[in-house]
Amino acid sequence: MTHILLDKNHQPLIAAAIQLGDWLLTLGNLTDADKDAIKAVQTALKKLPEIHDRTMAMYGFSIERGDQNSGLVRGWDLSLEYFANDAERQGGLEVFSSYIPIPETTDTAVLAEKKNREIYFHWPLGDICSFIKAEQAQQWIDEVSRPLQYIEAGDRLRIEIVHQQYYAEIEYPAV
C-alpha cells in the first residue's frame, strides 16, 4: 500500500468524484456488474489517501455531438491506478475533463475555448497535486454536479466504467 498526498482543499474534488458515481448509479441500462464496479471505484476513492497495490478504478461520462466527421465530445472522468511491480501503471489519481472538437483544428478561437474548458489534476503516488487552482477545481465540481447541463437535442451520452479487469461502455441514445 502507498499513499496519494491530499490536503483538505482537495476533499471537495474527491467528494464530487464520489457523487458522480452516485449519479451514474441512477442511469438506466446498468447491469449488476456495472453497478458493482461503480461502487468499487467509489470505495477506492473513499479510502484515499491510501491506495492499494493492483488498483485499477475509473469512471466517467461524455456528451457526444455530431459524428466522426464533425462534432464535439465533452468528457468528465477520474482514474485511480497503482500496480507496485509495473512502472507503466503507477498513475496515481487523475481527475479531468476534456473538450474535443471534431475534426481536430488549429483555429485559435476553438483552441482557446478548448483550453478554457479542459481541466486536468494529477496526484502522483507519494506526491501532492500542487497545481490546483480553486476556480478550476470549482469548475469541475460544478460541471459534474449537474452532468447533463451541456446536453442538447441530438446529443448522445456515453459512460465508461473500469474496475480491475472489468470494463463497460454504455451509450445512451440521442435525446
C-alpha atoms as a PDB file:
ATOM      1  CA  MET A   1       0.000   0.000   0.000  1.00  0.00           C
ATOM      2  CA  THR A   2       1.127   3.513  -0.757  1.00  0.00           C
ATOM      3  CA  HIS A   3      -0.390   6.955  -0.417  1.00  0.00           C
ATOM      4  CA  ILE A   4      -1.530   9.865  -2.504  1.00  0.00           C
ATOM      5  CA  LEU A   5      -0.959  13.097  -0.660  1.00  0.00           C
ATOM      6  CA  LEU A   6      -4.209  15.000  -0.379  1.00  0.00           C
ATOM      7  CA  ASP A   7      -4.759  18.168   1.545  1.00  0.00           C
ATOM      8  CA  LYS A   8      -8.045  19.478   2.916  1.00  0.00           C
ATOM      9  CA  ASN A   9      -8.545  21.671  -0.160  1.00  0.00           C
ATOM     10  CA  HIS A  10      -8.710  18.546  -2.334  1.00  0.00           C
ATOM     11  CA  GLN A  11     -11.572  16.947  -0.410  1.00  0.00           C
ATOM     12  CA  PRO A  12     -14.359  18.725  -2.361  1.00  0.00           C
ATOM     13  CA  LEU A  13     -12.964  17.280  -5.620  1.00  0.00           C
ATOM     14  CA  ILE A  14     -12.894  13.773  -4.148  1.00  0.00           C
ATOM     15  CA  ALA A  15     -16.432  14.224  -2.793  1.00  0.00           C
ATOM     16  CA  ALA A  16     -17.632  15.392  -6.233  1.00  0.00           C
ATOM     17  CA  ALA A  17     -15.971  12.362  -7.841  1.00  0.00           C
ATOM     18  CA  ILE A  18     -17.810  10.056  -5.442  1.00  0.00           C
ATOM     19  CA  GLN A  19     -21.097  11.884  -6.099  1.00  0.00           C
ATOM     20  CA  LEU A  20     -20.514  11.468  -9.830  1.00  0.00           C
ATOM     21  CA  GLY A  21     -20.625   7.730  -9.148  1.00  0.00           C
ATOM     22  CA  ASP A  22     -23.946   8.204  -7.310  1.00  0.00           C
ATOM     23  CA  TRP A  23     -25.330   9.875 -10.431  1.00  0.00           C
ATOM     24  CA  LEU A  24     -24.015   7.111 -12.691  1.00  0.00           C
ATOM     25  CA  LEU A  25     -25.839   4.594 -10.488  1.00  0.00           C
ATOM     26  CA  THR A  26     -29.161   6.337 -11.282  1.00  0.00           C
ATOM     27  CA  LEU A  27     -28.853   5.715 -15.023  1.00  0.00           C
ATOM     28  CA  GLY A  28     -30.860   3.001 -16.708  1.00  0.00           C
ATOM     29  CA  ASN A  29     -29.444   0.009 -18.572  1.00  0.00           C
ATOM     30  CA  LEU A  30     -26.775  -0.733 -15.935  1.00  0.00           C
ATOM     31  CA  THR A  31     -26.116  -4.354 -15.183  1.00  0.00           C
ATOM     32  CA  ASP A  32     -25.430  -5.564 -11.662  1.00  0.00           C
ATOM     33  CA  ALA A  33     -21.762  -5.878 -12.674  1.00  0.00           C
ATOM     34  CA  ASP A  34     -21.757  -2.231 -13.834  1.00  0.00           C
ATOM     35  CA  LYS A  35     -23.244  -1.109 -10.523  1.00  0.00           C
ATOM     36  CA  ASP A  36     -20.792  -3.221  -8.522  1.00  0.00           C
ATOM     37  CA  ALA A  37     -17.859  -1.730 -10.457  1.00  0.00           C
ATOM     38  CA  ILE A  38     -19.075   1.847  -9.881  1.00  0.00           C
ATOM     39  CA  LYS A  39     -19.450   1.137  -6.166  1.00  0.00           C
ATOM     40  CA  ALA A  40     -15.962  -0.404  -6.074  1.00  0.00           C
ATOM     41  CA  VAL A  41     -14.480   2.751  -7.658  1.00  0.00           C
ATOM     42  CA  GLN A  42     -16.302   4.833  -5.060  1.00  0.00           C
ATOM     43  CA  THR A  43     -14.913   2.638  -2.288  1.00  0.00           C
ATOM     44  CA  ALA A  44     -11.374   3.117  -3.620  1.00  0.00           C
ATOM     45  CA  LEU A  45     -11.922   6.895  -3.643  1.00  0.00           C
ATOM     46  CA  LYS A  46     -13.252   6.815  -0.074  1.00  0.00           C
ATOM     47  CA  LYS A  47     -10.092   5.005   1.076  1.00  0.00           C
ATOM     48  CA  LEU A  48      -7.840   7.785  -0.139  1.00  0.00           C
ATOM     49  CA  PRO A  49      -5.158   8.815   0.685  1.00  0.00           C
ATOM     50  CA  GLU A  50      -4.376   5.077   0.866  1.00  0.00           C
ATOM     51  CA  ILE A  51      -4.193   3.218  -2.408  1.00  0.00           C
ATOM     52  CA  HIS A  52      -3.615  -0.499  -2.571  1.00  0.00           C
ATOM     53  CA  ASP A  53      -1.440  -2.429  -4.974  1.00  0.00           C
ATOM     54  CA  ARG A  54      -3.231  -3.679  -8.068  1.00  0.00           C
ATOM     55  CA  THR A  55      -5.793  -0.868  -8.097  1.00  0.00           C
ATOM     56  CA  MET A  56      -7.407  -0.033 -11.415  1.00  0.00           C
ATOM     57  CA  ALA A  57     -10.515   2.093 -10.947  1.00  0.00           C
ATOM     58  CA  MET A  58     -12.081   4.587 -13.357  1.00  0.00           C
ATOM     59  CA  TYR A  59     -15.396   6.009 -14.378  1.00  0.00           C
ATOM     60  CA  GLY A  60     -16.682   8.933 -16.304  1.00  0.00           C
ATOM     61  CA  PHE A  61     -19.078  10.161 -18.918  1.00  0.00           C
ATOM     62  CA  SER A  62     -19.062  12.031 -22.180  1.00  0.00           C
ATOM     63  CA  ILE A  63     -21.591  14.028 -24.123  1.00  0.00           C
ATOM     64  CA  GLU A  64     -21.124  13.450 -27.829  1.00  0.00           C
ATOM     65  CA  ARG A  65     -22.452  15.727 -30.537  1.00  0.00           C
ATOM     66  CA  GLY A  66     -22.337  15.166 -34.270  1.00  0.00           C
ATOM     67  CA  ASP A  67     -20.500  12.282 -35.908  1.00  0.00           C
ATOM     68  CA  GLN A  68     -16.952  11.145 -36.699  1.00  0.00           C
ATOM     69  CA  ASN A  69     -16.595  13.901 -39.315  1.00  0.00           C
ATOM     70  CA  SER A  70     -17.937  16.914 -37.452  1.00  0.00           C
ATOM     71  CA  GLY A  71     -18.903  17.424 -33.845  1.00  0.00           C
ATOM     72  CA  LEU A  72     -17.796  17.808 -30.274  1.00  0.00           C
ATOM     73  CA  VAL A  73     -17.027  15.389 -27.456  1.00  0.00           C
ATOM     74  CA  ARG A  74     -17.000  16.684 -23.890  1.00  0.00           C
ATOM     75  CA  GLY A  75     -15.994  14.298 -21.128  1.00  0.00           C
ATOM     76  CA  TRP A  76     -15.511  14.182 -17.357  1.00  0.00           C
ATOM     77  CA  ASP A  77     -13.504  11.354 -15.829  1.00  0.00           C
ATOM     78  CA  LEU A  78     -11.438  10.163 -12.926  1.00  0.00           C
ATOM     79  CA  SER A  79      -8.859   7.426 -12.750  1.00  0.00           C
ATOM     80  CA  LEU A  80      -7.118   5.745  -9.821  1.00  0.00           C
ATOM     81  CA  GLU A  81      -4.269   3.365 -10.665  1.00  0.00           C
ATOM     82  CA  TYR A  82      -1.398   1.666  -8.863  1.00  0.00           C
ATOM     83  CA  PHE A  83       0.473  -1.523  -9.669  1.00  0.00           C
ATOM     84  CA  ALA A  84       3.580  -1.771  -7.478  1.00  0.00           C
ATOM     85  CA  ASN A  85       5.539  -4.021  -9.829  1.00  0.00           C
ATOM     86  CA  ASP A  86       4.639  -2.305 -13.095  1.00  0.00           C
ATOM     87  CA  ALA A  87       6.375   1.002 -13.787  1.00  0.00           C
ATOM     88  CA  GLU A  88       3.898   1.719 -16.605  1.00  0.00           C
ATOM     89  CA  ARG A  89       0.906   1.527 -14.260  1.00  0.00           C
ATOM     90  CA  GLN A  90       1.750   3.960 -11.483  1.00  0.00           C
ATOM     91  CA  GLY A  91      -0.788   6.569 -12.494  1.00  0.00           C
ATOM     92  CA  GLY A  92      -1.972   7.694  -9.085  1.00  0.00           C
ATOM     93  CA  LEU A  93      -5.142   9.780  -9.137  1.00  0.00           C
ATOM     94  CA  GLU A  94      -6.272  11.790 -12.137  1.00  0.00           C
ATOM     95  CA  VAL A  95      -9.372  13.998 -12.278  1.00  0.00           C
ATOM     96  CA  PHE A  96     -10.027  15.656 -15.607  1.00  0.00           C
ATOM     97  CA  SER A  97     -12.361  16.942 -18.251  1.00  0.00           C
ATOM     98  CA  SER A  98     -11.911  17.024 -21.999  1.00  0.00           C
ATOM     99  CA  TYR A  99     -13.214  19.185 -24.841  1.00  0.00           C
ATOM    100  CA  ILE A 100     -12.543  17.586 -28.210  1.00  0.00           C
ATOM    101  CA  PRO A 101     -13.729  19.271 -31.391  1.00  0.00           C
ATOM    102  CA  ILE A 102     -14.096  17.025 -34.432  1.00  0.00           C
ATOM    103  CA  PRO A 103     -12.206  17.314 -36.690  1.00  0.00           C
ATOM    104  CA  GLU A 104      -9.076  18.477 -34.943  1.00  0.00           C
ATOM    105  CA  THR A 105      -8.436  22.129 -35.617  1.00  0.00           C
ATOM    106  CA  THR A 106      -5.825  24.837 -35.493  1.00  0.00           C
ATOM    107  CA  ASP A 107      -8.444  27.591 -35.246  1.00  0.00           C
ATOM    108  CA  THR A 108      -7.222  29.839 -32.430  1.00  0.00           C
ATOM    109  CA  ALA A 109     -10.727  30.637 -31.145  1.00  0.00           C
ATOM    110  CA  VAL A 110     -11.619  26.942 -30.885  1.00  0.00           C
ATOM    111  CA  LEU A 111      -8.275  26.129 -29.261  1.00  0.00           C
ATOM    112  CA  ALA A 112      -8.803  28.932 -26.740  1.00  0.00           C
ATOM    113  CA  GLU A 113     -12.228  27.504 -25.900  1.00  0.00           C
ATOM    114  CA  LYS A 114     -10.681  24.037 -25.551  1.00  0.00           C
ATOM    115  CA  LYS A 115      -8.045  25.383 -23.165  1.00  0.00           C
ATOM    116  CA  ASN A 116     -10.707  27.167 -21.142  1.00  0.00           C
ATOM    117  CA  ARG A 117     -12.926  24.058 -20.898  1.00  0.00           C
ATOM    118  CA  GLU A 118     -10.365  21.340 -20.181  1.00  0.00           C
ATOM    119  CA  ILE A 119      -9.176  20.610 -16.664  1.00  0.00           C
ATOM    120  CA  TYR A 120      -6.517  18.158 -15.532  1.00  0.00           C
ATOM    121  CA  PHE A 121      -5.426  17.379 -11.990  1.00  0.00           C
ATOM    122  CA  HIS A 122      -2.891  14.660 -11.195  1.00  0.00           C
ATOM    123  CA  TRP A 123      -1.751  13.305  -7.866  1.00  0.00           C
ATOM    124  CA  PRO A 124       1.271  11.067  -8.490  1.00  0.00           C
ATOM    125  CA  LEU A 125       1.878   8.299  -6.000  1.00  0.00           C
ATOM    126  CA  GLY A 126       3.529   9.651  -2.870  1.00  0.00           C
ATOM    127  CA  ASP A 127       3.210  13.224  -4.067  1.00  0.00           C
ATOM    128  CA  ILE A 128       0.727  16.059  -3.959  1.00  0.00           C
ATOM    129  CA  CYS A 129      -1.133  17.775  -6.774  1.00  0.00           C
ATOM    130  CA  SER A 130       0.171  21.272  -6.243  1.00  0.00           C
ATOM    131  CA  PHE A 131      -1.244  22.905  -9.350  1.00  0.00           C
ATOM    132  CA  ILE A 132      -4.920  23.053  -8.412  1.00  0.00           C
ATOM    133  CA  LYS A 133      -6.414  26.453  -8.998  1.00  0.00           C
ATOM    134  CA  ALA A 134      -9.503  26.960  -6.850  1.00  0.00           C
ATOM    135  CA  GLU A 135     -11.573  28.195  -9.800  1.00  0.00           C
ATOM    136  CA  GLN A 136     -10.660  25.146 -11.913  1.00  0.00           C
ATOM    137  CA  ALA A 137     -11.494  22.775  -9.073  1.00  0.00           C
ATOM    138  CA  GLN A 138     -14.828  24.516  -8.635  1.00  0.00           C
ATOM    139  CA  GLN A 139     -15.450  24.357 -12.395  1.00  0.00           C
ATOM    140  CA  TRP A 140     -15.011  20.555 -12.403  1.00  0.00           C
ATOM    141  CA  ILE A 141     -17.185  20.202  -9.288  1.00  0.00           C
ATOM    142  CA  ASP A 142     -19.939  22.382 -10.817  1.00  0.00           C
ATOM    143  CA  GLU A 143     -19.844  20.523 -14.117  1.00  0.00           C
ATOM    144  CA  VAL A 144     -20.100  17.027 -12.591  1.00  0.00           C
ATOM    145  CA  SER A 145     -22.696  18.095 -10.043  1.00  0.00           C
ATOM    146  CA  ARG A 146     -25.107  18.722 -12.946  1.00  0.00           C
ATOM    147  CA  PRO A 147     -23.884  16.210 -15.521  1.00  0.00           C
ATOM    148  CA  LEU A 148     -26.488  16.851 -18.187  1.00  0.00           C
ATOM    149  CA  GLN A 149     -26.290  20.641 -18.180  1.00  0.00           C
ATOM    150  CA  TYR A 150     -24.487  20.675 -21.549  1.00  0.00           C
ATOM    151  CA  ILE A 151     -26.609  18.104 -23.349  1.00  0.00           C
ATOM    152  CA  GLU A 152     -28.610  19.304 -26.354  1.00  0.00           C
ATOM    153  CA  ALA A 153     -31.138  17.707 -28.667  1.00  0.00           C
ATOM    154  CA  GLY A 154     -29.426  15.021 -30.739  1.00  0.00           C
ATOM    155  CA  ASP A 155     -26.519  14.513 -28.307  1.00  0.00           C
ATOM    156  CA  ARG A 156     -25.547  11.080 -27.029  1.00  0.00           C
ATOM    157  CA  LEU A 157     -24.434  10.192 -23.530  1.00  0.00           C
ATOM    158  CA  ARG A 158     -21.695   7.589 -23.064  1.00  0.00           C
ATOM    159  CA  ILE A 159     -20.366   6.261 -19.791  1.00  0.00           C
ATOM    160  CA  GLU A 160     -17.258   4.193 -19.129  1.00  0.00           C
ATOM    161  CA  ILE A 161     -16.585   2.076 -16.074  1.00  0.00           C
ATOM    162  CA  VAL A 162     -13.348   0.244 -15.238  1.00  0.00           C
ATOM    163  CA  HIS A 163     -12.600  -1.749 -12.147  1.00  0.00           C
ATOM    164  CA  GLN A 164      -9.688  -4.185 -12.140  1.00  0.00           C
ATOM    165  CA  GLN A 165     -10.328  -6.414 -15.188  1.00  0.00           C
ATOM    166  CA  TYR A 166     -13.930  -5.249 -15.648  1.00  0.00           C
ATOM    167  CA  TYR A 167     -14.738  -2.773 -18.423  1.00  0.00           C
ATOM    168  CA  ALA A 168     -18.073  -1.441 -19.598  1.00  0.00           C
ATOM    169  CA  GLU A 169     -19.007   1.245 -22.069  1.00  0.00           C
ATOM    170  CA  ILE A 170     -22.666   2.153 -22.310  1.00  0.00           C
ATOM    171  CA  GLU A 171     -24.091   4.528 -24.873  1.00  0.00           C
ATOM    172  CA  TYR A 172     -27.431   6.157 -24.364  1.00  0.00           C
ATOM    173  CA  PRO A 173     -29.300   7.228 -27.496  1.00  0.00           C
ATOM    174  CA  ALA A 174     -29.705  10.773 -28.674  1.00  0.00           C
ATOM    175  CA  VAL A 175     -32.002  12.921 -26.579  1.00  0.00           C
END
